[in-house]
Amino acid sequence: MTQTLSHFLKIIFYINVFFESNQTFYLSKYFLGLAIISSLIGNKLGKNILDILKESQFHKLSQLTLFAIGAIYLLKGMTL
C-alpha cells in the first residue's frame, strides 16, 4: 500500500511539473502518453512471462541477462 501511494504521488508531482514547464515540450506530451501506454503493456506482458517461467528458469535468465549487461559495460570500458 505504501509503495502504491508513493508511486501515485510521484506521478501527480511529475505530471504537474511536466505540464507547468515551457511550451517547448508540446510534442513531448504525446511522448508522455506513449510512455504510459508502453509501460502498461510491458507490465502486462512481463506478468504473463513470469507466470510461464519456473523459478529456476527465471533465476538462470536473470543471471544470463546480468552477465550480458556486465560484459557489454566491460567491453565499453576497455575501448575508452
C-alpha atoms as a PDB file:
ATOM      1  CA  MET A   1       0.000   0.000   0.000  1.00  0.00           C
ATOM      2  CA  THR A   2       2.785   2.427   0.899  1.00  0.00           C
ATOM      3  CA  GLN A   3       4.612   1.800  -2.376  1.00  0.00           C
ATOM      4  CA  THR A   4       1.409   2.308  -4.359  1.00  0.00           C
ATOM      5  CA  LEU A   5       0.760   5.610  -2.610  1.00  0.00           C
ATOM      6  CA  SER A   6       4.355   6.675  -3.211  1.00  0.00           C
ATOM      7  CA  HIS A   7       4.114   5.917  -6.945  1.00  0.00           C
ATOM      8  CA  PHE A   8       0.792   7.715  -7.199  1.00  0.00           C
ATOM      9  CA  LEU A   9       2.186  10.847  -5.527  1.00  0.00           C
ATOM     10  CA  LYS A  10       5.240  10.802  -7.790  1.00  0.00           C
ATOM     11  CA  ILE A  11       3.015  10.550 -10.864  1.00  0.00           C
ATOM     12  CA  ILE A  12       0.953  13.532  -9.725  1.00  0.00           C
ATOM     13  CA  PHE A  13       4.070  15.556  -8.927  1.00  0.00           C
ATOM     14  CA  TYR A  14       5.891  14.879 -12.190  1.00  0.00           C
ATOM     15  CA  ILE A  15       2.811  15.357 -14.372  1.00  0.00           C
ATOM     16  CA  ASN A  16       2.301  18.731 -12.696  1.00  0.00           C
ATOM     17  CA  VAL A  17       5.950  19.686 -13.262  1.00  0.00           C
ATOM     18  CA  PHE A  18       5.750  18.475 -16.853  1.00  0.00           C
ATOM     19  CA  PHE A  19       2.640  20.454 -17.756  1.00  0.00           C
ATOM     20  CA  GLU A  20       3.756  23.595 -15.917  1.00  0.00           C
ATOM     21  CA  SER A  21       7.035  23.701 -17.845  1.00  0.00           C
ATOM     22  CA  ASN A  22       7.696  25.620 -21.057  1.00  0.00           C
ATOM     23  CA  GLN A  23       5.503  25.176 -24.095  1.00  0.00           C
ATOM     24  CA  THR A  24       8.558  23.857 -25.952  1.00  0.00           C
ATOM     25  CA  PHE A  25       7.578  20.417 -24.657  1.00  0.00           C
ATOM     26  CA  TYR A  26       4.414  20.318 -26.790  1.00  0.00           C
ATOM     27  CA  LEU A  27       5.416  17.201 -28.711  1.00  0.00           C
ATOM     28  CA  SER A  28       6.774  15.607 -25.560  1.00  0.00           C
ATOM     29  CA  LYS A  29       3.252  15.465 -24.115  1.00  0.00           C
ATOM     30  CA  TYR A  30       2.425  12.883 -26.767  1.00  0.00           C
ATOM     31  CA  PHE A  31       5.577  11.034 -25.807  1.00  0.00           C
ATOM     32  CA  LEU A  32       4.395  11.014 -22.185  1.00  0.00           C
ATOM     33  CA  GLY A  33       1.138   9.339 -23.242  1.00  0.00           C
ATOM     34  CA  LEU A  34       3.028   6.819 -25.324  1.00  0.00           C
ATOM     35  CA  ALA A  35       5.347   6.090 -22.387  1.00  0.00           C
ATOM     36  CA  ILE A  36       2.398   5.458 -20.068  1.00  0.00           C
ATOM     37  CA  ILE A  37       0.709   3.126 -22.562  1.00  0.00           C
ATOM     38  CA  SER A  38       4.003   1.310 -23.219  1.00  0.00           C
ATOM     39  CA  SER A  39       4.591   0.790 -19.507  1.00  0.00           C
ATOM     40  CA  LEU A  40       1.119  -0.690 -19.042  1.00  0.00           C
ATOM     41  CA  ILE A  41       1.591  -3.070 -21.970  1.00  0.00           C
ATOM     42  CA  GLY A  42       5.084  -4.018 -20.766  1.00  0.00           C
ATOM     43  CA  ASN A  43       3.768  -4.658 -17.272  1.00  0.00           C
ATOM     44  CA  LYS A  44       1.069  -6.984 -18.597  1.00  0.00           C
ATOM     45  CA  LEU A  45       3.475  -8.861 -20.898  1.00  0.00           C
ATOM     46  CA  GLY A  46       6.066  -9.176 -18.124  1.00  0.00           C
ATOM     47  CA  LYS A  47       3.492 -10.646 -15.749  1.00  0.00           C
ATOM     48  CA  ASN A  48       2.461 -13.192 -18.374  1.00  0.00           C
ATOM     49  CA  ILE A  49       6.092 -14.186 -18.976  1.00  0.00           C
ATOM     50  CA  LEU A  50       6.760 -14.542 -15.244  1.00  0.00           C
ATOM     51  CA  ASP A  51       3.656 -16.702 -14.852  1.00  0.00           C
ATOM     52  CA  ILE A  52       5.005 -19.064 -17.525  1.00  0.00           C
ATOM     53  CA  LEU A  53       8.584 -19.309 -16.216  1.00  0.00           C
ATOM     54  CA  LYS A  54       9.578 -21.582 -13.378  1.00  0.00           C
ATOM     55  CA  GLU A  55      11.646 -20.128 -10.543  1.00  0.00           C
ATOM     56  CA  SER A  56      14.815 -21.891 -11.723  1.00  0.00           C
ATOM     57  CA  GLN A  57      14.309 -20.661 -15.297  1.00  0.00           C
ATOM     58  CA  PHE A  58      13.814 -17.112 -14.068  1.00  0.00           C
ATOM     59  CA  HIS A  59      16.986 -17.354 -11.966  1.00  0.00           C
ATOM     60  CA  LYS A  60      19.050 -18.593 -14.934  1.00  0.00           C
ATOM     61  CA  LEU A  61      17.585 -15.941 -17.246  1.00  0.00           C
ATOM     62  CA  SER A  62      18.335 -13.218 -14.686  1.00  0.00           C
ATOM     63  CA  GLN A  63      21.924 -14.386 -14.324  1.00  0.00           C
ATOM     64  CA  LEU A  64      22.391 -14.519 -18.094  1.00  0.00           C
ATOM     65  CA  THR A  65      20.914 -11.033 -18.531  1.00  0.00           C
ATOM     66  CA  LEU A  66      23.106  -9.529 -15.819  1.00  0.00           C
ATOM     67  CA  PHE A  67      26.174 -11.271 -17.237  1.00  0.00           C
ATOM     68  CA  ALA A  68      25.430  -9.908 -20.721  1.00  0.00           C
ATOM     69  CA  ILE A  69      24.935  -6.368 -19.425  1.00  0.00           C
ATOM     70  CA  GLY A  70      28.134  -6.609 -17.395  1.00  0.00           C
ATOM     71  CA  ALA A  71      30.071  -7.910 -20.401  1.00  0.00           C
ATOM     72  CA  ILE A  72      28.814  -5.048 -22.551  1.00  0.00           C
ATOM     73  CA  TYR A  73      29.878  -2.462 -19.989  1.00  0.00           C
ATOM     74  CA  LEU A  74      33.223  -4.165 -19.532  1.00  0.00           C
ATOM     75  CA  LEU A  75      33.872  -4.090 -23.280  1.00  0.00           C
ATOM     76  CA  LYS A  76      32.803  -0.458 -23.471  1.00  0.00           C
ATOM     77  CA  GLY A  77      35.137   0.376 -20.616  1.00  0.00           C
ATOM     78  CA  MET A  78      38.031  -1.376 -22.311  1.00  0.00           C
ATOM     79  CA  THR A  79      37.533   0.620 -25.513  1.00  0.00           C
ATOM     80  CA  LEU A  80      37.682   4.025 -23.810  1.00  0.00           C
END
